[in-house]
Amino acid sequence: MRISIALCTYNGGRFLAEQLDSLVRQRRTPDELVVGDDGSTDDTAAILARFSASAPFPVRVETHSTRLGSTANFDRTLGLCTGDLLA
């Protein structure tokens, strides 16, 4: 079973590093992390770029040029996941 994590972000940089670190500390890490960023203007993109470079699993970041809102962002991000189980 492949596990995908769908993570949606919007200007959550001050909480993001801790959240990403918690994924790495899991007993069973995901097979992929798919991030849908809804046009953040804070340091979210930089944090995701640093994390992607060193993560022990594949990370794909999709940045939307137009804000989708939380529901559409989650819908799109879930649709990009390739795992059997989505979280």
PDB file of N, CA and C in Angstrom:
ATOM      1  N   MET A   1       0.830  -1.193   0.000  1.00  0.00           N
ATOM      2  CA  MET A   1       0.000   0.000   0.000  1.00  0.00           C
ATOM      3  C   MET A   1       0.870   1.250   0.000  1.00  0.00           C
ATOM      4  N   ARG A   2       0.605   2.103  -0.962  1.00  0.00           N
ATOM      5  CA  ARG A   2       1.308   3.395  -1.024  1.00  0.00           C
ATOM      6  C   ARG A   2       0.476   4.459  -0.313  1.00  0.00           C
ATOM      7  N   ILE A   3       1.155   5.272   0.482  1.00  0.00           N
ATOM      8  CA  ILE A   3       0.493   6.333   1.242  1.00  0.00           C
ATOM      9  C   ILE A   3       0.895   7.686   0.673  1.00  0.00           C
ATOM     10  N   SER A   4      -0.109   8.482   0.363  1.00  0.00           N
ATOM     11  CA  SER A   4       0.106   9.857  -0.092  1.00  0.00           C
ATOM     12  C   SER A   4      -0.414  10.819   0.969  1.00  0.00           C
ATOM     13  N   ILE A   5       0.333  11.885   1.170  1.00  0.00           N
ATOM     14  CA  ILE A   5      -0.122  12.969   2.035  1.00  0.00           C
ATOM     15  C   ILE A   5      -0.461  14.145   1.123  1.00  0.00           C
ATOM     16  N   ALA A   6      -1.675  14.655   1.257  1.00  0.00           N
ATOM     17  CA  ALA A   6      -2.096  15.859   0.546  1.00  0.00           C
ATOM     18  C   ALA A   6      -2.052  17.007   1.551  1.00  0.00           C
ATOM     19  N   LEU A   7      -1.250  18.000   1.260  1.00  0.00           N
ATOM     20  CA  LEU A   7      -1.090  19.139   2.162  1.00  0.00           C
ATOM     21  C   LEU A   7      -1.412  20.410   1.397  1.00  0.00           C
ATOM     22  N   CYS A   8      -2.369  21.159   1.883  1.00  0.00           N
ATOM     23  CA  CYS A   8      -2.730  22.423   1.251  1.00  0.00           C
ATOM     24  C   CYS A   8      -2.220  23.568   2.107  1.00  0.00           C
ATOM     25  N   THR A   9      -1.610  24.549   1.440  1.00  0.00           N
ATOM     26  CA  THR A   9      -1.018  25.664   2.169  1.00  0.00           C
ATOM     27  C   THR A   9      -1.517  26.997   1.623  1.00  0.00           C
ATOM     28  N   TYR A  10      -1.544  27.960   2.514  1.00  0.00           N
ATOM     29  CA  TYR A  10      -1.782  29.356   2.152  1.00  0.00           C
ATOM     30  C   TYR A  10      -1.280  30.223   3.309  1.00  0.00           C
ATOM     31  N   ASN A  11      -0.144  30.843   3.090  1.00  0.00           N
ATOM     32  CA  ASN A  11       0.462  31.743   4.087  1.00  0.00           C
ATOM     33  C   ASN A  11       0.562  31.102   5.475  1.00  0.00           C
ATOM     34  N   GLY A  12       0.983  29.872   5.516  1.00  0.00           N
ATOM     35  CA  GLY A  12       1.133  29.181   6.792  1.00  0.00           C
ATOM     36  C   GLY A  12       2.579  28.940   7.171  1.00  0.00           C
ATOM     37  N   GLY A  13       3.460  29.758   6.652  1.00  0.00           N
ATOM     38  CA  GLY A  13       4.888  29.565   6.852  1.00  0.00           C
ATOM     39  C   GLY A  13       5.321  29.427   8.297  1.00  0.00           C
ATOM     40  N   ARG A  14       4.700  30.146   9.182  1.00  0.00           N
ATOM     41  CA  ARG A  14       5.177  30.091  10.572  1.00  0.00           C
ATOM     42  C   ARG A  14       4.885  28.744  11.231  1.00  0.00           C
ATOM     43  N   PHE A  15       3.988  27.942  10.680  1.00  0.00           N
ATOM     44  CA  PHE A  15       3.677  26.625  11.232  1.00  0.00           C
ATOM     45  C   PHE A  15       4.203  25.474  10.369  1.00  0.00           C
ATOM     46  N   LEU A  16       4.627  25.787   9.163  1.00  0.00           N
ATOM     47  CA  LEU A  16       4.909  24.757   8.166  1.00  0.00           C
ATOM     48  C   LEU A  16       6.110  23.877   8.494  1.00  0.00           C
ATOM     49  N   ALA A  17       7.204  24.442   8.954  1.00  0.00           N
ATOM     50  CA  ALA A  17       8.402  23.642   9.231  1.00  0.00           C
ATOM     51  C   ALA A  17       8.110  22.564  10.271  1.00  0.00           C
ATOM     52  N   GLU A  18       7.393  22.910  11.314  1.00  0.00           N
ATOM     53  CA  GLU A  18       7.043  21.938  12.354  1.00  0.00           C
ATOM     54  C   GLU A  18       6.137  20.832  11.788  1.00  0.00           C
ATOM     55  N   GLN A  19       5.221  21.209  10.953  1.00  0.00           N
ATOM     56  CA  GLN A  19       4.325  20.222  10.355  1.00  0.00           C
ATOM     57  C   GLN A  19       5.090  19.264   9.436  1.00  0.00           C
ATOM     58  N   LEU A  20       5.974  19.794   8.616  1.00  0.00           N
ATOM     59  CA  LEU A  20       6.766  18.951   7.727  1.00  0.00           C
ATOM     60  C   LEU A  20       7.693  18.040   8.520  1.00  0.00           C
ATOM     61  N   ASP A  21       8.286  18.571   9.570  1.00  0.00           N
ATOM     62  CA  ASP A  21       9.158  17.761  10.420  1.00  0.00           C
ATOM     63  C   ASP A  21       8.391  16.592  11.032  1.00  0.00           C
ATOM     64  N   SER A  22       7.143  16.800  11.374  1.00  0.00           N
ATOM     65  CA  SER A  22       6.352  15.709  11.964  1.00  0.00           C
ATOM     66  C   SER A  22       6.139  14.578  10.961  1.00  0.00           C
ATOM     67  N   LEU A  23       6.071  14.891   9.678  1.00  0.00           N
ATOM     68  CA  LEU A  23       5.933  13.838   8.668  1.00  0.00           C
ATOM     69  C   LEU A  23       7.186  12.971   8.587  1.00  0.00           C
ATOM     70  N   VAL A  24       8.331  13.606   8.723  1.00  0.00           N
ATOM     71  CA  VAL A  24       9.608  12.880   8.674  1.00  0.00           C
ATOM     72  C   VAL A  24       9.773  11.983   9.899  1.00  0.00           C
ATOM     73  N   ARG A  25       9.236  12.389  11.045  1.00  0.00           N
ATOM     74  CA  ARG A  25       9.403  11.631  12.291  1.00  0.00           C
ATOM     75  C   ARG A  25       8.428  10.455  12.426  1.00  0.00           C
ATOM     76  N   GLN A  26       7.514  10.295  11.508  1.00  0.00           N
ATOM     77  CA  GLN A  26       6.548   9.201  11.602  1.00  0.00           C
ATOM     78  C   GLN A  26       7.261   7.844  11.516  1.00  0.00           C
ATOM     79  N   ARG A  27       6.722   6.881  12.190  1.00  0.00           N
ATOM     80  CA  ARG A  27       7.268   5.524  12.137  1.00  0.00           C
ATOM     81  C   ARG A  27       7.224   5.004  10.705  1.00  0.00           C
ATOM     82  N   ARG A  28       6.141   5.298  10.019  1.00  0.00           N
ATOM     83  CA  ARG A  28       5.990   4.913   8.608  1.00  0.00           C
ATOM     84  C   ARG A  28       5.828   6.208   7.814  1.00  0.00           C
ATOM     85  N   THR A  29       6.876   6.608   7.107  1.00  0.00           N
ATOM     86  CA  THR A  29       6.796   7.849   6.343  1.00  0.00           C
ATOM     87  C   THR A  29       5.945   7.629   5.092  1.00  0.00           C
ATOM     88  N   PRO A  30       5.390   8.688   4.561  1.00  0.00           N
ATOM     89  CA  PRO A  30       4.572   8.546   3.355  1.00  0.00           C
ATOM     90  C   PRO A  30       5.430   8.200   2.139  1.00  0.00           C
ATOM     91  N   ASP A  31       4.783   7.713   1.117  1.00  0.00           N
ATOM     92  CA  ASP A  31       5.469   7.439  -0.142  1.00  0.00           C
ATOM     93  C   ASP A  31       5.570   8.692  -1.002  1.00  0.00           C
ATOM     94  N   GLU A  32       4.745   9.663  -0.695  1.00  0.00           N
ATOM     95  CA  GLU A  32       4.826  10.953  -1.378  1.00  0.00           C
ATOM     96  C   GLU A  32       4.092  12.002  -0.561  1.00  0.00           C
ATOM     97  N   LEU A  33       4.533  13.236  -0.758  1.00  0.00           N
ATOM     98  CA  LEU A  33       3.847  14.402  -0.210  1.00  0.00           C
ATOM     99  C   LEU A  33       3.495  15.283  -1.398  1.00  0.00           C
ATOM    100  N   VAL A  34       2.215  15.572  -1.542  1.00  0.00           N
ATOM    101  CA  VAL A  34       1.757  16.458  -2.611  1.00  0.00           C
ATOM    102  C   VAL A  34       1.219  17.721  -1.945  1.00  0.00           C
ATOM    103  N   VAL A  35       1.803  18.857  -2.304  1.00  0.00           N
ATOM    104  CA  VAL A  35       1.431  20.133  -1.704  1.00  0.00           C
ATOM    105  C   VAL A  35       0.724  20.978  -2.749  1.00  0.00           C
ATOM    106  N   GLY A  36      -0.422  21.496  -2.374  1.00  0.00           N
ATOM    107  CA  GLY A  36      -1.127  22.471  -3.205  1.00  0.00           C
ATOM    108  C   GLY A  36      -1.059  23.815  -2.507  1.00  0.00           C
ATOM    109  N   ASP A  37      -0.246  24.713  -3.049  1.00  0.00           N
ATOM    110  CA  ASP A  37      -0.140  26.037  -2.441  1.00  0.00           C
ATOM    111  C   ASP A  37      -1.059  26.995  -3.169  1.00  0.00           C
ATOM    112  N   ASP A  38      -1.886  27.670  -2.408  1.00  0.00           N
ATOM    113  CA  ASP A  38      -2.927  28.525  -2.972  1.00  0.00           C
ATOM    114  C   ASP A  38      -2.478  29.981  -3.101  1.00  0.00           C
ATOM    115  N   GLY A  39      -1.232  30.166  -3.548  1.00  0.00           N
ATOM    116  CA  GLY A  39      -0.733  31.517  -3.803  1.00  0.00           C
ATOM    117  C   GLY A  39      -0.180  32.227  -2.588  1.00  0.00           C
ATOM    118  N   SER A  40       0.507  31.500  -1.729  1.00  0.00           N
ATOM    119  CA  SER A  40       1.082  32.115  -0.525  1.00  0.00           C
ATOM    120  C   SER A  40       2.000  33.274  -0.880  1.00  0.00           C
ATOM    121  N   THR A  41       1.998  34.284  -0.016  1.00  0.00           N
ATOM    122  CA  THR A  41       2.872  35.441  -0.193  1.00  0.00           C
ATOM    123  C   THR A  41       3.883  35.562   0.939  1.00  0.00           C
ATOM    124  N   ASP A  42       3.898  34.592   1.850  1.00  0.00           N
ATOM    125  CA  ASP A  42       4.872  34.604   2.948  1.00  0.00           C
ATOM    126  C   ASP A  42       6.039  33.691   2.571  1.00  0.00           C
ATOM    127  N   ASP A  43       6.707  33.108   3.541  1.00  0.00           N
ATOM    128  CA  ASP A  43       7.880  32.268   3.287  1.00  0.00           C
ATOM    129  C   ASP A  43       7.538  30.794   3.023  1.00  0.00           C
ATOM    130  N   THR A  44       6.279  30.488   2.759  1.00  0.00           N
ATOM    131  CA  THR A  44       5.857  29.116   2.513  1.00  0.00           C
ATOM    132  C   THR A  44       6.650  28.475   1.377  1.00  0.00           C
ATOM    133  N   ALA A  45       6.793  29.145   0.251  1.00  0.00           N
ATOM    134  CA  ALA A  45       7.496  28.573  -0.907  1.00  0.00           C
ATOM    135  C   ALA A  45       8.944  28.231  -0.572  1.00  0.00           C
ATOM    136  N   ALA A  46       9.632  29.098   0.146  1.00  0.00           N
ATOM    137  CA  ALA A  46      11.028  28.857   0.510  1.00  0.00           C
ATOM    138  C   ALA A  46      11.143  27.663   1.455  1.00  0.00           C
ATOM    139  N   ILE A  47      10.232  27.558   2.400  1.00  0.00           N
ATOM    140  CA  ILE A  47      10.243  26.429   3.339  1.00  0.00           C
ATOM    141  C   ILE A  47      10.011  25.129   2.590  1.00  0.00           C
ATOM    142  N   LEU A  48       9.067  25.123   1.684  1.00  0.00           N
ATOM    143  CA  LEU A  48       8.782  23.912   0.902  1.00  0.00           C
ATOM    144  C   LEU A  48       9.962  23.532   0.011  1.00  0.00           C
ATOM    145  N   ALA A  49      10.629  24.515  -0.567  1.00  0.00           N
ATOM    146  CA  ALA A  49      11.797  24.237  -1.414  1.00  0.00           C
ATOM    147  C   ALA A  49      12.921  23.604  -0.600  1.00  0.00           C
ATOM    148  N   ARG A  50      13.194  24.141   0.575  1.00  0.00           N
ATOM    149  CA  ARG A  50      14.246  23.560   1.438  1.00  0.00           C
ATOM    150  C   ARG A  50      13.874  22.140   1.846  1.00  0.00           C
ATOM    151  N   PHE A  51      12.621  21.945   2.229  1.00  0.00           N
ATOM    152  CA  PHE A  51      12.181  20.622   2.652  1.00  0.00           C
ATOM    153  C   PHE A  51      12.267  19.632   1.501  1.00  0.00           C
ATOM    154  N   SER A  52      11.837  20.025   0.326  1.00  0.00           N
ATOM    155  CA  SER A  52      11.870  19.142  -0.847  1.00  0.00           C
ATOM    156  C   SER A  52      13.274  18.643  -1.154  1.00  0.00           C
ATOM    157  N   ALA A  53      14.255  19.507  -0.930  1.00  0.00           N
ATOM    158  CA  ALA A  53      15.644  19.156  -1.243  1.00  0.00           C
ATOM    159  C   ALA A  53      16.210  18.083  -0.325  1.00  0.00           C
ATOM    160  N   SER A  54      15.637  17.930   0.871  1.00  0.00           N
ATOM    161  CA  SER A  54      16.220  16.979   1.827  1.00  0.00           C
ATOM    162  C   SER A  54      15.237  15.928   2.335  1.00  0.00           C
ATOM    163  N   ALA A  55      14.017  15.958   1.892  1.00  0.00           N
ATOM    164  CA  ALA A  55      12.998  15.022   2.397  1.00  0.00           C
ATOM    165  C   ALA A  55      13.351  13.578   2.019  1.00  0.00           C
ATOM    166  N   PRO A  56      13.052  12.629   2.905  1.00  0.00           N
ATOM    167  CA  PRO A  56      13.349  11.220   2.626  1.00  0.00           C
ATOM    168  C   PRO A  56      12.271  10.548   1.769  1.00  0.00           C
ATOM    169  N   PHE A  57      11.404  11.334   1.159  1.00  0.00           N
ATOM    170  CA  PHE A  57      10.361  10.832   0.274  1.00  0.00           C
ATOM    171  C   PHE A  57      10.096  11.907  -0.780  1.00  0.00           C
ATOM    172  N   PRO A  58       9.523  11.530  -1.910  1.00  0.00           N
ATOM    173  CA  PRO A  58       9.256  12.518  -2.964  1.00  0.00           C
ATOM    174  C   PRO A  58       8.261  13.583  -2.509  1.00  0.00           C
ATOM    175  N   VAL A  59       8.548  14.820  -2.892  1.00  0.00           N
ATOM    176  CA  VAL A  59       7.679  15.952  -2.586  1.00  0.00           C
ATOM    177  C   VAL A  59       7.376  16.665  -3.899  1.00  0.00           C
ATOM    178  N   ARG A  60       6.093  16.879  -4.144  1.00  0.00           N
ATOM    179  CA  ARG A  60       5.671  17.621  -5.340  1.00  0.00           C
ATOM    180  C   ARG A  60       4.867  18.821  -4.875  1.00  0.00           C
ATOM    181  N   VAL A  61       5.282  19.994  -5.331  1.00  0.00           N
ATOM    182  CA  VAL A  61       4.601  21.230  -4.946  1.00  0.00           C
ATOM    183  C   VAL A  61       3.936  21.820  -6.182  1.00  0.00           C
ATOM    184  N   GLU A  62       2.651  22.019  -6.089  1.00  0.00           N
ATOM    185  CA  GLU A  62       1.875  22.669  -7.146  1.00  0.00           C
ATOM    186  C   GLU A  62       1.438  24.024  -6.609  1.00  0.00           C
ATOM    187  N   THR A  63       1.865  25.092  -7.276  1.00  0.00           N
ATOM    188  CA  THR A  63       1.499  26.440  -6.852  1.00  0.00           C
ATOM    189  C   THR A  63       0.458  26.990  -7.812  1.00  0.00           C
ATOM    190  N   HIS A  64      -0.653  27.426  -7.274  1.00  0.00           N
ATOM    191  CA  HIS A  64      -1.735  27.957  -8.090  1.00  0.00           C
ATOM    192  C   HIS A  64      -1.519  29.449  -8.318  1.00  0.00           C
ATOM    193  N   SER A  65      -1.628  29.868  -9.553  1.00  0.00           N
ATOM    194  CA  SER A  65      -1.444  31.288  -9.863  1.00  0.00           C
ATOM    195  C   SER A  65      -2.675  32.102  -9.470  1.00  0.00           C
ATOM    196  N   THR A  66      -3.826  31.446  -9.422  1.00  0.00           N
ATOM    197  CA  THR A  66      -5.065  32.082  -8.983  1.00  0.00           C
ATOM    198  C   THR A  66      -5.568  31.329  -7.768  1.00  0.00           C
ATOM    199  N   ARG A  67      -5.969  32.054  -6.735  1.00  0.00           N
ATOM    200  CA  ARG A  67      -6.464  31.396  -5.519  1.00  0.00           C
ATOM    201  C   ARG A  67      -7.693  30.557  -5.824  1.00  0.00           C
ATOM    202  N   LEU A  68      -7.681  29.320  -5.319  1.00  0.00           N
ATOM    203  CA  LEU A  68      -8.797  28.405  -5.515  1.00  0.00           C
ATOM    204  C   LEU A  68      -9.739  28.389  -4.329  1.00  0.00           C
ATOM    205  N   GLY A  69      -9.230  28.727  -3.157  1.00  0.00           N
ATOM    206  CA  GLY A  69      -9.992  28.564  -1.927  1.00  0.00           C
ATOM    207  C   GLY A  69      -9.728  27.178  -1.365  1.00  0.00           C
ATOM    208  N   SER A  70     -10.050  26.992  -0.101  1.00  0.00           N
ATOM    209  CA  SER A  70      -9.653  25.751   0.582  1.00  0.00           C
ATOM    210  C   SER A  70     -10.284  24.498  -0.025  1.00  0.00           C
ATOM    211  N   THR A  71     -11.555  24.526  -0.338  1.00  0.00           N
ATOM    212  CA  THR A  71     -12.217  23.320  -0.843  1.00  0.00           C
ATOM    213  C   THR A  71     -11.663  22.906  -2.205  1.00  0.00           C
ATOM    214  N   ALA A  72     -11.575  23.833  -3.132  1.00  0.00           N
ATOM    215  CA  ALA A  72     -11.059  23.508  -4.465  1.00  0.00           C
ATOM    216  C   ALA A  72      -9.575  23.151  -4.412  1.00  0.00           C
ATOM    217  N   ASN A  73      -8.827  23.786  -3.526  1.00  0.00           N
ATOM    218  CA  ASN A  73      -7.410  23.455  -3.385  1.00  0.00           C
ATOM    219  C   ASN A  73      -7.250  22.009  -2.910  1.00  0.00           C
ATOM    220  N   PHE A  74      -8.005  21.607  -1.902  1.00  0.00           N
ATOM    221  CA  PHE A  74      -7.924  20.223  -1.433  1.00  0.00           C
ATOM    222  C   PHE A  74      -8.385  19.253  -2.516  1.00  0.00           C
ATOM    223  N   ASP A  75      -9.435  19.589  -3.222  1.00  0.00           N
ATOM    224  CA  ASP A  75      -9.928  18.720  -4.287  1.00  0.00           C
ATOM    225  C   ASP A  75      -8.848  18.496  -5.345  1.00  0.00           C
ATOM    226  N   ARG A  76      -8.217  19.572  -5.779  1.00  0.00           N
ATOM    227  CA  ARG A  76      -7.169  19.457  -6.797  1.00  0.00           C
ATOM    228  C   ARG A  76      -5.957  18.686  -6.255  1.00  0.00           C
ATOM    229  N   THR A  77      -5.561  18.988  -5.035  1.00  0.00           N
ATOM    230  CA  THR A  77      -4.378  18.347  -4.464  1.00  0.00           C
ATOM    231  C   THR A  77      -4.608  16.852  -4.259  1.00  0.00           C
ATOM    232  N   LEU A  78      -5.766  16.483  -3.759  1.00  0.00           N
ATOM    233  CA  LEU A  78      -6.087  15.058  -3.610  1.00  0.00           C
ATOM    234  C   LEU A  78      -6.049  14.351  -4.958  1.00  0.00           C
ATOM    235  N   GLY A  79      -6.500  15.021  -5.994  1.00  0.00           N
ATOM    236  CA  GLY A  79      -6.502  14.437  -7.333  1.00  0.00           C
ATOM    237  C   GLY A  79      -5.105  14.206  -7.893  1.00  0.00           C
ATOM    238  N   LEU A  80      -4.112  14.895  -7.369  1.00  0.00           N
ATOM    239  CA  LEU A  80      -2.731  14.725  -7.825  1.00  0.00           C
ATOM    240  C   LEU A  80      -1.998  13.597  -7.109  1.00  0.00           C
ATOM    241  N   CYS A  81      -2.581  13.101  -6.036  1.00  0.00           N
ATOM    242  CA  CYS A  81      -1.946  12.030  -5.263  1.00  0.00           C
ATOM    243  C   CYS A  81      -2.021  10.711  -6.026  1.00  0.00           C
ATOM    244  N   THR A  82      -0.985   9.884  -5.872  1.00  0.00           N
ATOM    245  CA  THR A  82      -0.933   8.608  -6.600  1.00  0.00           C
ATOM    246  C   THR A  82      -1.021   7.408  -5.666  1.00  0.00           C
ATOM    247  N   GLY A  83      -1.108   7.629  -4.370  1.00  0.00           N
ATOM    248  CA  GLY A  83      -1.116   6.527  -3.411  1.00  0.00           C
ATOM    249  C   GLY A  83      -2.455   5.811  -3.348  1.00  0.00           C
ATOM    250  N   ASP A  84      -2.422   4.640  -2.683  1.00  0.00           N
ATOM    251  CA  ASP A  84      -3.627   3.853  -2.456  1.00  0.00           C
ATOM    252  C   ASP A  84      -4.430   4.436  -1.287  1.00  0.00           C
ATOM    253  N   LEU A  85      -3.710   4.997  -0.330  1.00  0.00           N
ATOM    254  CA  LEU A  85      -4.323   5.627   0.849  1.00  0.00           C
ATOM    255  C   LEU A  85      -3.936   7.100   0.850  1.00  0.00           C
ATOM    256  N   LEU A  86      -4.911   7.960   1.103  1.00  0.00           N
ATOM    257  CA  LEU A  86      -4.669   9.402   1.116  1.00  0.00           C
ATOM    258  C   LEU A  86      -4.916   9.958   2.510  1.00  0.00           C
ATOM    259  N   ALA A  87      -4.026  10.829   2.935  1.00  0.00           N
ATOM    260  CA  ALA A  87      -4.189  11.487   4.230  1.00  0.00           C
ATOM    261  C   ALA A  87      -3.955  12.965   4.053  1.00  0.00           C
TER     262      ALA A  87
END
